[in-house]
Amino acid sequence: MGRIILRLDRVMADRKISLKDLSDRVGVSNVNLSKMKTGKISAIRFSTLEAICEALDCQPGDILEYDRSAPSEED
């Protein structure tokens, strides 16, 4: 089984937005967004994903990627 990879860092770099600016726009703490950027989370609320997509003018697929070949965190 593969795993979901978060590409938030790439989208933020493309949009030239800092963690603090995104945090302010989305209403999620810097700490939680930082964990998202580094892939150190196991779940994300749809409301948070929607807010991030709104702030970054992107689609969920721009942030989330499924890698079939990568081992999941549970493996």
Protein backbone atom coordinates (compact mmCIF):
# COMPACT_ATOMS: atom_id res chain seq x y z
CA MET A 1 0.00 0.00 0.00
CA GLY A 2 1.27 3.48 -0.86
CA ARG A 3 0.93 6.70 1.05
CA ILE A 4 -0.33 10.26 0.73
CA ILE A 5 2.40 12.88 0.36
CA LEU A 6 1.75 16.51 1.25
CA ARG A 7 3.08 19.06 -1.22
CA LEU A 8 2.08 22.15 0.75
CA ASP A 9 5.67 23.43 0.78
CA ARG A 10 5.85 23.34 -3.03
CA VAL A 11 2.54 25.16 -3.48
CA MET A 12 3.51 27.78 -0.89
CA ALA A 13 6.82 28.36 -2.68
CA ASP A 14 5.04 28.68 -6.04
CA ARG A 15 2.68 31.27 -4.52
CA LYS A 16 5.52 33.00 -2.63
CA ILE A 17 3.62 32.90 0.65
CA SER A 18 5.19 32.47 4.07
CA LEU A 19 4.02 30.13 6.78
CA LYS A 20 2.97 33.09 8.91
CA ASP A 21 0.94 34.67 6.09
CA LEU A 22 -0.81 31.38 5.33
CA SER A 23 -1.46 30.84 9.02
CA ASP A 24 -3.07 34.28 9.28
CA ARG A 25 -5.23 33.70 6.19
CA VAL A 26 -6.33 30.17 7.13
CA GLY A 27 -6.66 30.52 10.89
CA VAL A 28 -4.46 27.50 11.63
CA SER A 29 -1.45 27.78 13.93
CA ASN A 30 2.07 28.02 12.55
CA VAL A 31 2.91 24.79 14.38
CA ASN A 32 0.12 22.82 12.69
CA LEU A 33 0.89 24.23 9.26
CA SER A 34 4.57 23.44 9.78
CA LYS A 35 3.66 19.83 10.57
CA MET A 36 1.61 19.77 7.37
CA LYS A 37 4.51 21.17 5.35
CA THR A 38 6.84 18.48 6.62
CA GLY A 39 4.28 15.67 6.30
CA LYS A 40 4.20 14.96 10.01
CA ILE A 41 0.41 14.69 10.25
CA SER A 42 -1.87 11.70 9.88
CA ALA A 43 -5.13 13.52 9.14
CA ILE A 44 -6.45 16.82 7.83
CA ARG A 45 -9.95 18.24 8.21
CA PHE A 46 -11.80 19.07 5.03
CA SER A 47 -12.51 22.54 6.44
CA THR A 48 -8.76 23.12 6.85
CA LEU A 49 -8.04 21.78 3.37
CA GLU A 50 -10.76 24.03 1.93
CA ALA A 51 -9.33 27.08 3.71
CA ILE A 52 -5.81 26.31 2.46
CA CYS A 53 -7.06 25.84 -1.10
CA GLU A 54 -8.97 29.12 -0.89
CA ALA A 55 -5.93 31.01 0.46
CA LEU A 56 -3.54 29.50 -2.09
CA ASP A 57 -6.00 29.50 -5.01
CA CYS A 58 -5.35 25.83 -5.69
CA GLN A 59 -7.03 22.43 -5.83
CA PRO A 60 -6.63 19.67 -3.19
CA GLY A 61 -4.73 17.65 -5.78
CA ASP A 62 -2.09 20.38 -5.88
CA ILE A 63 -1.38 19.75 -2.19
CA LEU A 64 -2.01 16.00 -1.86
CA GLU A 65 -0.31 13.30 -3.90
CA TYR A 66 -0.70 9.53 -3.71
CA ASP A 67 2.55 7.60 -4.14
CA ARG A 68 1.76 3.96 -4.81
CA SER A 69 5.39 2.89 -4.50
CA ALA A 70 6.13 4.54 -1.14
CA PRO A 71 5.52 2.52 2.00
CA SER A 72 2.74 3.83 4.18
CA GLU A 73 3.44 5.05 7.69
CA GLU A 74 1.72 1.91 9.00
CA ASP A 75 4.01 -0.50 7.06
